[in-house]
Amino acid sequence: MSPYRHATEKIGTIENIYNGDMFPDLAINTFRNIERLFPTRKIPASTTPQPFEQSRLSLQPFKSKIKDRTTDKVDQNYDLYDYLTLNSVTGIVVLKEGRLVYENYLRGNGPDTRWMSMSVAKSITSTLIGAAIEDGYITSIDDPTVKYVPALKGSAYENTTVRHILGMNSGVKWDETYTDPESDRRAFLNAQLSQESGALLEVMAGLPSAGEPGHVHNYSTGETTVAGEIVIGATGKKMSDYLHEKIWEPYGMESEAAWWLDSPDGNEIGGSGFSAVLRDYARFGQFFLEGGKAGGRQVLPEGWTEMAGQPVTLENGETVNYGLMWWPAWTERSKENKAFQAVGIHGQVIHIDPKEGVVIAISSARPKPMGTQPIDDMSFLEDLIGNIK
């Protein structure tokens, strides 16, 4: 195997990533070298990699009329060059019916560049819970959390279920503010930086209740670590190994991936820290689009992929625009198509449109972790999809 060509680049720190205080060149170097920030576990490339067939269709030139979300007026016509440039995109792969329609890399990236997932990892973690249910390791999505994570007995998670964790409606208090040094998210990061085994679960076990489980949605990176611990507790396997067994190997992923660990040789961090090449992110999306089949076998329960990407209805009847660690569509056309996305800070996206049979994987290096991007991803991508001909 050839040495990783980005391995000697100067990089920033994990604090730089969450603060959003790096100039573009340093940010790009860092995002393609996150394996140098924490210990990782490798996920080997498939022994039978499956190259993409080239589609007979192509992406036609187009302009996208994007509305200003503050005035609801059409702001400007944007083309592909505008989107890639203004949204700080570093790579894009477009598949239609599993075939390659368009691929482009910018800012020094290429097909061999591994790129950070950030919260796209949440969607991978939730998918492994689906696999564990299909395999019978988890009896039901409504099983108690503590059945698989006994370390949370006696905590605010005592009466939660696997479903509550996946929908982030556990009722446990959590502040996700990346840039606030006093937030739960930063306390979680500090525990991660300690690299002490069990430190992340200690943070989660110490959180107070803020409401009844199943009644309030509250986005929580911490809960994806709980989800990861459910996978590990149920299967008796590390998440990287289980991912390789169920998806990476049988689906034909072409390159090695890596996943941050909470401590040396510890457990994977369920909510972030995955690193893979863009084509394999696209393959993961295609695996999901195809209903969770790999190597001729059903990996996920029937109906799981449809359920995971659509809004969750809470036990009080309220519907929230969040699925099982996937983001449902927020524009009308994409809602009609039941489209959904895996999303990570700084502009990481896997967009899945079941009606059109399209998967789009995007890596980006936007300057701030959160905030409104210059061009709304979903609005632009639905126009892009309409111009595959």
Protein backbone atom coordinates (compact mmCIF):
# COMPACT_ATOMS: atom_id res chain seq x y z
CA MET A 1 0.00 0.00 0.00
CA SER A 2 1.34 3.44 -0.96
CA PRO A 3 1.91 5.98 1.83
CA TYR A 4 -0.98 8.37 2.37
CA ARG A 5 0.00 11.42 0.34
CA HIS A 6 -1.43 13.95 2.81
CA ALA A 7 0.23 12.39 5.87
CA THR A 8 2.93 15.03 6.40
CA GLU A 9 0.77 18.14 6.00
CA LYS A 10 0.66 20.68 8.80
CA ILE A 11 -2.64 20.40 10.69
CA GLY A 12 -4.61 22.21 13.39
CA THR A 13 -6.22 20.84 16.54
CA ILE A 14 -9.60 19.42 17.45
CA GLU A 15 -10.32 22.69 19.28
CA ASN A 16 -9.64 24.55 16.02
CA ILE A 17 -12.21 22.37 14.26
CA TYR A 18 -14.97 23.08 16.77
CA ASN A 19 -14.07 26.76 17.16
CA GLY A 20 -13.91 27.32 13.40
CA ASP A 21 -10.72 29.38 13.70
CA MET A 22 -8.49 28.02 10.94
CA PHE A 23 -7.60 29.63 7.63
CA PRO A 24 -8.71 27.54 4.62
CA ASP A 25 -5.42 25.78 3.84
CA LEU A 26 -4.91 24.63 7.42
CA ALA A 27 -8.56 23.58 7.76
CA ILE A 28 -8.36 21.48 4.60
CA ASN A 29 -5.15 19.81 5.74
CA THR A 30 -6.73 19.06 9.12
CA PHE A 31 -10.00 17.68 7.74
CA ARG A 32 -8.12 15.16 5.59
CA ASN A 33 -5.84 14.14 8.45
CA ILE A 34 -8.17 13.70 11.41
CA GLU A 35 -6.61 10.31 12.13
CA ARG A 36 -3.66 12.23 13.57
CA LEU A 37 -5.82 13.89 16.25
CA PHE A 38 -6.87 10.77 18.20
CA PRO A 39 -6.16 7.05 18.24
CA THR A 40 -8.17 5.22 15.59
CA ARG A 41 -9.24 1.75 14.59
CA LYS A 42 -8.88 0.87 10.92
CA ILE A 43 -11.60 -0.56 8.71
CA PRO A 44 -9.82 -2.44 5.89
CA ALA A 45 -10.85 -1.96 2.28
CA SER A 46 -12.95 -4.74 0.83
CA THR A 47 -11.08 -7.70 -0.60
CA THR A 48 -13.50 -7.46 -3.55
CA PRO A 49 -13.80 -3.72 -4.26
CA GLN A 50 -16.62 -2.81 -6.62
CA PRO A 51 -15.73 0.01 -9.04
CA PHE A 52 -18.51 2.30 -10.21
CA GLU A 53 -19.90 1.82 -13.68
CA GLN A 54 -20.02 5.06 -15.67
CA SER A 55 -23.58 6.23 -16.22
CA ARG A 56 -24.84 6.91 -19.73
CA LEU A 57 -26.44 10.00 -18.25
CA SER A 58 -24.55 13.20 -17.53
CA LEU A 59 -24.99 16.35 -15.50
CA GLN A 60 -26.25 19.12 -17.78
CA PRO A 61 -25.37 22.80 -17.24
CA PHE A 62 -28.01 24.51 -15.12
CA LYS A 63 -28.80 27.51 -12.95
CA SER A 64 -30.45 27.13 -9.56
CA LYS A 65 -32.75 29.86 -8.26
CA ILE A 66 -32.15 29.88 -4.51
CA LYS A 67 -34.44 31.81 -2.18
CA ASP A 68 -33.06 34.07 0.52
CA ARG A 69 -34.38 32.35 3.63
CA THR A 70 -34.78 35.67 5.45
CA THR A 71 -36.95 37.36 2.79
CA ASP A 72 -38.32 34.34 0.85
CA LYS A 73 -37.33 36.16 -2.35
CA VAL A 74 -35.23 34.66 -5.11
CA ASP A 75 -31.72 35.81 -4.35
CA GLN A 76 -29.65 34.77 -7.35
CA ASN A 77 -29.16 32.14 -10.03
CA TYR A 78 -26.31 29.84 -8.99
CA ASP A 79 -24.49 27.33 -11.19
CA LEU A 80 -22.33 24.38 -10.19
CA TYR A 81 -19.18 26.51 -10.10
CA ASP A 82 -20.85 28.90 -7.66
CA TYR A 83 -21.94 26.05 -5.41
CA LEU A 84 -18.56 24.33 -5.31
CA THR A 85 -16.73 27.59 -4.69
CA LEU A 86 -19.05 29.50 -2.33
CA ASN A 87 -19.84 26.45 -0.19
CA SER A 88 -16.14 25.53 0.14
CA VAL A 89 -16.66 22.10 -1.40
CA THR A 90 -13.60 19.85 -1.66
CA GLY A 91 -15.23 16.91 -3.42
CA ILE A 92 -18.50 15.71 -4.91
CA VAL A 93 -19.64 12.31 -6.19
CA VAL A 94 -23.04 11.92 -7.89
CA LEU A 95 -24.62 8.50 -8.49
CA LYS A 96 -27.80 7.69 -10.39
CA GLU A 97 -29.10 4.12 -10.09
CA GLY A 98 -25.72 3.21 -8.62
CA ARG A 99 -23.75 4.48 -11.62
CA LEU A 100 -21.30 7.38 -11.61
CA VAL A 101 -22.71 10.53 -13.20
CA TYR A 102 -20.30 13.19 -11.95
CA GLU A 103 -17.17 13.34 -9.79
CA ASN A 104 -14.94 16.29 -9.00
CA TYR A 105 -12.29 17.16 -6.42
CA LEU A 106 -10.94 20.55 -5.41
CA ARG A 107 -8.35 22.14 -3.10
CA GLY A 108 -5.83 19.35 -3.47
CA ASN A 109 -8.20 16.48 -2.71
CA GLY A 110 -8.59 13.42 -4.90
CA PRO A 111 -10.22 9.99 -4.98
CA ASP A 112 -7.55 8.77 -2.54
CA THR A 113 -8.19 11.52 0.05
CA ARG A 114 -9.76 10.40 3.31
CA TRP A 115 -12.03 13.09 4.73
CA MET A 116 -13.66 13.64 8.08
CA SER A 117 -17.27 12.63 8.53
CA MET A 118 -18.07 14.65 11.61
CA SER A 119 -21.76 13.93 12.33
CA VAL A 120 -22.18 11.78 9.23
CA ALA A 121 -20.76 9.17 11.62
CA LYS A 122 -24.05 9.36 13.54
CA SER A 123 -25.88 7.91 10.55
CA ILE A 124 -23.30 5.12 10.31
CA THR A 125 -23.71 4.32 14.00
CA SER A 126 -27.51 4.21 13.80
CA THR A 127 -27.20 1.92 10.77
CA LEU A 128 -25.14 -0.52 12.83
CA ILE A 129 -27.98 -0.63 15.37
CA GLY A 130 -30.26 -1.62 12.49
CA ALA A 131 -27.81 -4.36 11.52
CA ALA A 132 -27.69 -5.60 15.13
CA ILE A 133 -31.50 -5.81 15.17
CA GLU A 134 -31.49 -7.77 11.90
CA ASP A 135 -28.84 -10.12 13.31
CA GLY A 136 -30.84 -10.65 16.50
CA TYR A 137 -28.25 -9.10 18.81
CA ILE A 138 -30.83 -6.45 19.70
CA THR A 139 -34.27 -7.95 20.27
CA SER A 140 -36.27 -4.79 19.56
CA ILE A 141 -35.82 -1.09 18.89
CA ASP A 142 -37.95 -0.62 22.01
CA ASP A 143 -35.55 -2.52 24.29
CA PRO A 144 -34.27 -0.59 27.33
CA THR A 145 -31.00 1.24 26.76
CA VAL A 146 -29.54 -0.19 29.96
CA LYS A 147 -30.06 -3.75 28.71
CA TYR A 148 -27.02 -3.15 26.49
CA VAL A 149 -25.29 -0.34 28.40
CA PRO A 150 -25.51 -1.34 32.08
CA ALA A 151 -23.12 1.48 33.02
CA LEU A 152 -26.11 3.83 32.59
CA LYS A 153 -28.26 2.12 35.22
CA GLY A 154 -29.38 4.62 37.84
CA SER A 155 -28.79 7.55 35.47
CA ALA A 156 -31.29 9.72 33.58
CA TYR A 157 -31.10 7.07 30.84
CA GLU A 158 -32.60 4.38 33.12
CA ASN A 159 -36.06 4.52 31.50
CA THR A 160 -35.04 5.24 27.92
CA THR A 161 -35.18 2.83 24.99
CA VAL A 162 -33.03 2.25 21.93
CA ARG A 163 -35.68 4.12 19.91
CA HIS A 164 -35.40 7.16 22.20
CA ILE A 165 -31.63 7.21 21.70
CA LEU A 166 -31.85 6.92 17.91
CA GLY A 167 -34.41 9.72 17.70
CA MET A 168 -32.57 11.87 20.25
CA ASN A 169 -35.71 12.21 22.36
CA SER A 170 -34.43 10.63 25.56
CA GLY A 171 -35.51 13.55 27.74
CA VAL A 172 -31.94 13.92 29.04
CA LYS A 173 -30.57 17.47 29.24
CA TRP A 174 -27.87 18.36 26.71
CA ASP A 175 -26.38 21.58 25.28
CA GLU A 176 -24.83 20.99 21.83
CA THR A 177 -23.23 24.46 21.46
CA TYR A 178 -19.82 23.76 19.92
CA THR A 179 -18.29 27.15 20.64
CA ASP A 180 -19.41 27.48 24.29
CA PRO A 181 -16.65 26.20 26.60
CA GLU A 182 -19.29 25.57 29.30
CA SER A 183 -21.59 23.45 27.13
CA ASP A 184 -22.17 19.72 27.51
CA ARG A 185 -20.66 19.29 24.04
CA ARG A 186 -17.39 20.82 25.21
CA ALA A 187 -17.42 18.80 28.45
CA PHE A 188 -17.77 15.76 26.22
CA LEU A 189 -14.83 16.95 24.09
CA ASN A 190 -12.72 17.44 27.21
CA ALA A 191 -13.49 13.87 28.25
CA GLN A 192 -12.50 12.74 24.76
CA LEU A 193 -9.23 14.66 25.05
CA SER A 194 -8.48 12.89 28.33
CA GLN A 195 -8.34 9.57 26.44
CA GLU A 196 -9.43 7.79 29.61
CA SER A 197 -11.46 4.63 29.11
CA GLY A 198 -15.08 5.17 30.18
CA ALA A 199 -14.77 8.96 30.48
CA LEU A 200 -17.41 9.65 27.81
CA LEU A 201 -19.96 7.37 29.43
CA GLU A 202 -19.26 9.04 32.77
CA VAL A 203 -20.27 12.37 31.21
CA MET A 204 -23.49 10.84 29.88
CA ALA A 205 -24.30 9.09 33.16
CA GLY A 206 -23.97 12.39 35.02
CA LEU A 207 -26.49 14.33 32.92
CA PRO A 208 -29.81 15.32 34.52
CA SER A 209 -33.26 14.61 33.15
CA ALA A 210 -35.05 17.48 31.40
CA GLY A 211 -38.30 15.74 30.55
CA GLU A 212 -40.09 12.47 29.98
CA PRO A 213 -38.45 10.10 27.47
CA GLY A 214 -40.07 10.23 24.05
CA HIS A 215 -41.64 13.66 24.50
CA VAL A 216 -38.92 16.20 23.60
CA HIS A 217 -36.35 16.13 20.79
CA ASN A 218 -32.93 17.51 21.69
CA TYR A 219 -30.00 17.03 19.29
CA SER A 220 -27.18 15.37 21.22
CA THR A 221 -23.80 14.16 20.03
CA GLY A 222 -23.46 12.45 23.39
CA GLU A 223 -26.38 10.20 22.58
CA THR A 224 -24.59 8.80 19.56
CA THR A 225 -21.88 7.59 21.91
CA VAL A 226 -24.66 5.87 23.85
CA ALA A 227 -25.86 4.41 20.52
CA GLY A 228 -22.35 3.15 19.81
CA GLU A 229 -22.15 1.55 23.24
CA ILE A 230 -25.46 -0.18 22.50
CA VAL A 231 -23.91 -1.70 19.36
CA ILE A 232 -20.80 -2.82 21.25
CA GLY A 233 -22.75 -4.13 24.24
CA ALA A 234 -25.23 -6.03 22.08
CA THR A 235 -22.83 -7.57 19.56
CA GLY A 236 -19.72 -7.97 21.69
CA LYS A 237 -17.79 -6.47 18.75
CA LYS A 238 -16.04 -3.18 18.16
CA MET A 239 -18.02 -0.93 15.83
CA SER A 240 -15.24 -0.78 13.22
CA ASP A 241 -15.11 -4.57 13.07
CA TYR A 242 -18.88 -4.88 12.85
CA LEU A 243 -19.03 -2.20 10.13
CA HIS A 244 -16.39 -4.06 8.14
CA GLU A 245 -18.22 -7.37 8.55
CA LYS A 246 -21.69 -6.13 7.65
CA ILE A 247 -21.08 -3.36 5.08
CA TRP A 248 -17.49 -2.39 4.22
CA GLU A 249 -16.38 -5.86 3.07
CA PRO A 250 -19.53 -7.22 1.38
CA TYR A 251 -20.50 -3.94 -0.30
CA GLY A 252 -17.08 -3.59 -1.93
CA MET A 253 -15.69 -0.41 -0.38
CA GLU A 254 -12.51 0.51 -2.24
CA SER A 255 -10.39 2.09 0.50
CA GLU A 256 -9.41 1.76 4.12
CA ALA A 257 -11.34 3.90 6.59
CA ALA A 258 -10.66 4.81 10.21
CA TRP A 259 -12.67 5.72 13.31
CA TRP A 260 -11.66 7.75 16.37
CA LEU A 261 -11.44 5.90 19.68
CA ASP A 262 -12.30 7.17 23.14
CA SER A 263 -8.98 5.81 24.47
CA PRO A 264 -6.05 3.80 23.09
CA ASP A 265 -7.53 0.52 21.80
CA GLY A 266 -10.86 1.66 23.27
CA ASN A 267 -14.34 2.09 21.80
CA GLU A 268 -15.30 4.09 18.74
CA ILE A 269 -16.86 7.53 19.20
CA GLY A 270 -20.32 7.07 17.73
CA GLY A 271 -21.01 10.69 16.85
CA SER A 272 -17.94 11.76 14.87
CA GLY A 273 -14.38 10.95 13.90
CA PHE A 274 -15.00 8.62 10.96
CA SER A 275 -12.66 9.09 8.01
CA ALA A 276 -13.10 7.63 4.51
CA VAL A 277 -12.71 8.45 0.83
CA LEU A 278 -15.64 10.21 -0.81
CA ARG A 279 -16.46 7.34 -3.15
CA ASP A 280 -17.00 5.07 -0.13
CA TYR A 281 -19.26 7.64 1.52
CA ALA A 282 -21.26 7.54 -1.73
CA ARG A 283 -21.30 3.73 -1.63
CA PHE A 284 -22.62 3.87 1.92
CA GLY A 285 -25.44 6.11 0.69
CA GLN A 286 -26.12 3.69 -2.18
CA PHE A 287 -26.22 0.77 0.27
CA PHE A 288 -28.90 2.68 2.18
CA LEU A 289 -30.80 3.61 -0.99
CA GLU A 290 -30.90 -0.07 -1.96
CA GLY A 291 -32.67 -0.95 1.27
CA GLY A 292 -29.66 -2.11 3.27
CA LYS A 293 -28.48 -5.07 1.21
CA ALA A 294 -24.82 -6.04 0.80
CA GLY A 295 -23.22 -9.06 -0.82
CA GLY A 296 -26.64 -10.42 -1.74
CA ARG A 297 -27.81 -10.43 1.89
CA GLN A 298 -30.25 -8.28 3.83
CA VAL A 299 -28.16 -6.38 6.40
CA LEU A 300 -30.86 -4.07 7.77
CA PRO A 301 -34.44 -4.92 8.77
CA GLU A 302 -37.04 -4.57 6.02
CA GLY A 303 -38.34 -1.00 6.04
CA TRP A 304 -35.47 0.31 8.18
CA THR A 305 -34.07 2.68 5.54
CA GLU A 306 -37.48 4.22 4.89
CA MET A 307 -38.12 4.70 8.61
CA ALA A 308 -34.65 6.02 9.46
CA GLY A 309 -34.75 8.92 7.01
CA GLN A 310 -38.23 10.23 7.77
CA PRO A 311 -39.53 12.50 10.57
CA VAL A 312 -40.12 10.95 13.99
CA THR A 313 -43.44 11.34 15.77
CA LEU A 314 -42.95 11.76 19.51
CA GLU A 315 -45.09 10.02 22.10
CA ASN A 316 -47.03 13.26 22.67
CA GLY A 317 -48.02 13.34 18.98
CA GLU A 318 -45.55 16.04 17.91
CA THR A 319 -43.63 15.36 14.69
CA VAL A 320 -40.02 16.55 14.53
CA ASN A 321 -37.92 16.88 11.39
CA TYR A 322 -35.32 14.36 12.50
CA GLY A 323 -35.18 10.65 11.80
CA LEU A 324 -33.06 7.90 13.32
CA MET A 325 -29.86 9.94 13.21
CA TRP A 326 -30.63 11.04 9.64
CA TRP A 327 -32.05 14.42 8.56
CA PRO A 328 -35.30 14.32 6.53
CA ALA A 329 -35.81 16.76 3.66
CA TRP A 330 -36.73 20.34 4.49
CA THR A 331 -37.69 21.62 1.01
CA GLU A 332 -41.04 20.77 -0.58
CA ARG A 333 -39.76 18.99 -3.69
CA SER A 334 -37.34 16.85 -1.69
CA LYS A 335 -40.05 16.09 0.89
CA GLU A 336 -42.23 14.75 -1.92
CA ASN A 337 -39.36 12.48 -2.95
CA LYS A 338 -38.80 11.40 0.69
CA ALA A 339 -35.19 12.52 0.39
CA PHE A 340 -32.94 12.64 3.44
CA GLN A 341 -29.35 13.36 4.40
CA ALA A 342 -26.50 12.41 6.66
CA VAL A 343 -24.99 15.75 7.70
CA GLY A 344 -21.78 16.81 9.43
CA ILE A 345 -20.44 20.19 10.52
CA HIS A 346 -18.29 22.21 8.11
CA GLY A 347 -20.45 20.96 5.21
CA GLN A 348 -20.31 17.15 5.05
CA VAL A 349 -23.32 15.63 3.28
CA ILE A 350 -24.64 12.32 1.98
CA HIS A 351 -27.86 13.16 0.13
CA ILE A 352 -30.24 10.31 -0.75
CA ASP A 353 -33.26 10.78 -3.05
CA PRO A 354 -35.15 7.47 -3.24
CA LYS A 355 -37.65 8.59 -5.88
CA GLU A 356 -34.93 9.73 -8.30
CA GLY A 357 -32.52 6.92 -7.40
CA VAL A 358 -29.76 9.44 -6.69
CA VAL A 359 -27.00 9.56 -4.08
CA ILE A 360 -24.71 12.58 -3.71
CA ALA A 361 -21.70 12.63 -1.38
CA ILE A 362 -20.09 15.98 -0.63
CA SER A 363 -17.01 16.91 1.39
CA SER A 364 -16.47 20.53 2.36
CA ALA A 365 -14.26 22.81 4.41
CA ARG A 366 -16.64 25.58 5.42
CA PRO A 367 -15.02 28.03 7.83
CA LYS A 368 -17.44 27.64 10.74
CA PRO A 369 -18.87 24.41 12.15
CA MET A 370 -22.46 25.68 12.04
CA GLY A 371 -24.32 28.54 10.43
CA THR A 372 -26.17 29.22 7.20
CA GLN A 373 -24.15 28.26 4.14
CA PRO A 374 -24.10 30.66 1.17
CA ILE A 375 -26.18 28.25 -0.96
CA ASP A 376 -28.70 25.92 0.70
CA ASP A 377 -27.50 22.38 0.00
CA MET A 378 -30.85 20.67 -0.38
CA SER A 379 -32.34 23.37 -2.63
CA PHE A 380 -29.33 23.29 -4.92
CA LEU A 381 -29.02 19.51 -4.97
CA GLU A 382 -32.64 18.97 -5.96
CA ASP A 383 -32.01 21.25 -8.98
CA LEU A 384 -28.83 19.32 -9.72
CA ILE A 385 -30.78 16.05 -9.64
CA GLY A 386 -33.32 17.48 -12.07
CA ASN A 387 -30.54 18.11 -14.57
CA ILE A 388 -29.14 14.58 -14.73
CA LYS A 389 -30.14 13.62 -18.29
